Amino acid sequence: MNEALDPMIQFLRPLPAVVILPLVLLIFGPTRELGVFLAAFGAVWPILVQVQVGVRDVDPVAIDTARAMNLSWGKTQTAVVLPSATPYIMTGVRIAASAALLLSIGAGLLGGAPGLGRRILLAQESAQSDLAFGLILWSGLLGGALALILNYAERTLVRGGRPLEEYA
């Protein structure tokens, strides 16, 4: 399966989501779906690549051990592959979350989609620099909060919520 999908992934992955903005704008128009589509398009690639890397990095001895224990394919995936790939998956999610936030704001700034980006654009166009600055600051705070939440989620999933010092 990986060999079948890899050429498509390698072709589409380097394509910046903003490049397809004119095409998506023609399809959806300046709607909320435009922002959702661009955010999803930009977010799927980091997660997909990190999942591939995480699955490839699973210890072959652990897979062989699961086979020797006669574990089913599903049990092997959930008990061996998923725990081993979780740090990679969470890295992909963190990268994807920041890309999705940037792209959803960019969809409003460049494509007129409703949301925070459009509000920033309208504030700039109406010379309300204080409002524009406040909205830009809010965007930064939103990104920072998202990063904190995802760091906590990663710490909880990967290390069971315990600080690294307890592992030393």
Protein backbone atom coordinates (compact mmCIF):
# COMPACT_ATOMS: atom_id res chain seq x y z
CA MET A 1 0.00 0.00 0.00
CA ASN A 2 2.81 2.40 0.88
CA GLU A 3 4.49 1.80 -2.48
CA ALA A 4 1.25 2.58 -4.32
CA LEU A 5 0.58 5.86 -2.53
CA ASP A 6 4.14 7.13 -2.21
CA PRO A 7 4.44 8.65 -5.73
CA MET A 8 1.24 10.67 -5.25
CA ILE A 9 2.33 11.80 -1.80
CA GLN A 10 5.77 12.82 -3.01
CA PHE A 11 4.18 14.75 -5.89
CA LEU A 12 1.57 16.65 -3.85
CA ARG A 13 3.50 17.15 -0.59
CA PRO A 14 5.84 19.95 -1.73
CA LEU A 15 2.95 21.87 -3.30
CA PRO A 16 2.23 24.85 -1.01
CA ALA A 17 -1.45 25.08 -0.12
CA VAL A 18 -1.49 28.80 -0.95
CA VAL A 19 -0.58 27.95 -4.56
CA ILE A 20 -3.92 26.21 -5.04
CA LEU A 21 -5.80 29.17 -3.53
CA PRO A 22 -6.99 30.57 -6.90
CA LEU A 23 -8.35 27.18 -7.98
CA VAL A 24 -10.03 26.54 -4.62
CA LEU A 25 -11.40 30.10 -4.64
CA LEU A 26 -13.03 29.40 -8.01
CA ILE A 27 -14.58 26.19 -6.67
CA PHE A 28 -15.75 27.35 -3.23
CA GLY A 29 -15.77 31.13 -3.51
CA PRO A 30 -14.92 33.26 -0.47
CA THR A 31 -16.68 30.94 1.97
CA ARG A 32 -15.78 29.22 5.21
CA GLU A 33 -15.26 26.01 3.21
CA LEU A 34 -12.33 27.72 1.45
CA GLY A 35 -10.51 28.14 4.76
CA VAL A 36 -11.38 24.65 5.92
CA PHE A 37 -10.20 23.07 2.67
CA LEU A 38 -6.90 25.01 2.62
CA ALA A 39 -6.24 24.23 6.28
CA ALA A 40 -6.99 20.54 5.76
CA PHE A 41 -4.90 20.38 2.57
CA GLY A 42 -1.94 21.98 4.31
CA ALA A 43 -2.32 19.90 7.48
CA VAL A 44 -2.67 16.46 5.96
CA TRP A 45 0.85 16.29 4.50
CA PRO A 46 2.93 16.75 7.68
CA ILE A 47 0.79 14.19 9.49
CA LEU A 48 0.92 11.72 6.61
CA VAL A 49 4.70 12.01 6.23
CA GLN A 50 5.29 11.66 9.97
CA VAL A 51 3.00 8.61 10.13
CA GLN A 52 5.03 7.03 7.31
CA VAL A 53 8.31 7.78 9.07
CA GLY A 54 6.98 6.54 12.41
CA VAL A 55 5.71 3.27 10.97
CA ARG A 56 8.96 2.68 9.09
CA ASP A 57 10.91 3.27 12.32
CA VAL A 58 9.16 0.52 14.30
CA ASP A 59 11.69 -1.93 15.68
CA PRO A 60 11.66 -5.05 13.47
CA VAL A 61 12.40 -7.18 16.53
CA ALA A 62 9.16 -5.97 18.14
CA ILE A 63 7.22 -6.89 14.97
CA ASP A 64 8.89 -10.32 14.87
CA THR A 65 8.09 -10.82 18.54
CA ALA A 66 4.43 -9.98 17.88
CA ARG A 67 4.38 -12.49 15.04
CA ALA A 68 6.02 -15.13 17.24
CA MET A 69 3.32 -14.50 19.85
CA ASN A 70 0.70 -15.06 17.13
CA LEU A 71 -0.84 -11.62 17.57
CA SER A 72 -3.42 -10.65 14.97
CA TRP A 73 -2.64 -7.87 12.50
CA GLY A 74 -4.93 -5.45 14.35
CA LYS A 75 -3.44 -6.24 17.75
CA THR A 76 0.08 -5.83 16.33
CA GLN A 77 -0.87 -2.42 14.97
CA THR A 78 -2.39 -1.20 18.23
CA ALA A 79 0.06 -2.82 20.66
CA VAL A 80 3.36 -2.47 18.77
CA VAL A 81 3.19 -0.09 15.80
CA LEU A 82 0.98 2.67 17.22
CA PRO A 83 2.89 3.15 20.50
CA SER A 84 6.17 3.22 18.58
CA ALA A 85 4.88 5.70 15.99
CA THR A 86 3.06 8.01 18.43
CA PRO A 87 5.96 10.48 18.92
CA TYR A 88 6.22 10.89 15.14
CA ILE A 89 2.46 11.26 14.76
CA MET A 90 2.34 13.93 17.46
CA THR A 91 5.18 15.81 15.78
CA GLY A 92 3.16 15.75 12.57
CA VAL A 93 0.07 16.99 14.41
CA ARG A 94 2.00 19.89 15.96
CA ILE A 95 3.42 20.91 12.57
CA ALA A 96 0.02 20.47 10.93
CA ALA A 97 -1.78 22.55 13.56
CA SER A 98 0.42 25.57 13.01
CA ALA A 99 0.14 25.16 9.23
CA ALA A 100 -3.65 24.89 9.48
CA LEU A 101 -3.85 28.03 11.61
CA LEU A 102 -1.67 29.97 9.19
CA LEU A 103 -3.61 28.75 6.17
CA SER A 104 -7.01 29.47 7.65
CA ILE A 105 -5.92 33.03 8.48
CA GLY A 106 -4.30 33.32 5.04
CA ALA A 107 -7.54 32.18 3.38
CA GLY A 108 -9.23 35.21 4.90
CA LEU A 109 -6.40 37.59 4.08
CA LEU A 110 -5.87 36.45 0.50
CA GLY A 111 -9.17 34.84 -0.46
CA GLY A 112 -11.72 36.80 1.55
CA ALA A 113 -12.97 33.75 3.47
CA PRO A 114 -14.80 34.70 6.67
CA GLY A 115 -12.82 34.46 9.85
CA LEU A 116 -9.89 36.03 11.63
CA GLY A 117 -7.90 36.71 8.45
CA ARG A 118 -10.77 38.61 6.84
CA ARG A 119 -11.27 40.65 10.01
CA ILE A 120 -7.57 41.58 9.96
CA LEU A 121 -7.85 42.53 6.28
CA LEU A 122 -10.94 44.68 6.86
CA ALA A 123 -9.30 46.41 9.83
CA GLN A 124 -6.22 47.20 7.72
CA GLU A 125 -8.30 48.46 4.80
CA SER A 126 -10.36 50.75 7.04
CA ALA A 127 -7.19 52.15 8.69
CA GLN A 128 -8.05 50.70 12.09
CA SER A 129 -4.48 49.84 12.94
CA ASP A 130 -5.25 49.28 16.63
CA LEU A 131 -7.89 46.67 15.78
CA ALA A 132 -5.62 45.06 13.18
CA PHE A 133 -2.77 44.90 15.70
CA GLY A 134 -5.09 43.42 18.32
CA LEU A 135 -6.34 40.76 15.91
CA ILE A 136 -2.79 39.90 14.88
CA LEU A 137 -1.85 39.64 18.57
CA TRP A 138 -4.90 37.43 19.12
CA SER A 139 -3.72 35.19 16.26
CA GLY A 140 -0.35 34.83 17.97
CA LEU A 141 -1.97 34.02 21.31
CA LEU A 142 -4.19 31.47 19.62
CA GLY A 143 -1.14 29.83 18.05
CA GLY A 144 0.69 29.83 21.38
CA ALA A 145 -2.28 28.26 23.17
CA LEU A 146 -2.54 25.64 20.45
CA ALA A 147 1.16 24.82 20.84
CA LEU A 148 0.82 24.49 24.63
CA ILE A 149 -2.21 22.20 24.33
CA LEU A 150 -0.49 19.98 21.78
CA ASN A 151 2.73 19.84 23.83
CA TYR A 152 0.70 18.71 26.84
CA ALA A 153 -1.15 16.14 24.72
CA GLU A 154 2.13 14.81 23.36
CA ARG A 155 3.66 14.59 26.81
CA THR A 156 0.58 12.77 28.07
CA LEU A 157 0.40 10.31 25.17
CA VAL A 158 4.11 9.60 24.79
CA ARG A 159 5.35 9.62 28.38
CA GLY A 160 2.14 9.15 30.35
CA GLY A 161 2.16 12.77 31.53
CA ARG A 162 5.29 12.39 33.68
CA PRO A 163 8.13 14.92 33.36
CA LEU A 164 11.34 13.76 31.73
CA GLU A 165 13.26 13.97 35.02
CA GLU A 166 11.38 10.93 36.32
CA TYR A 167 12.88 8.83 33.52
CA ALA A 168 16.50 9.67 34.37
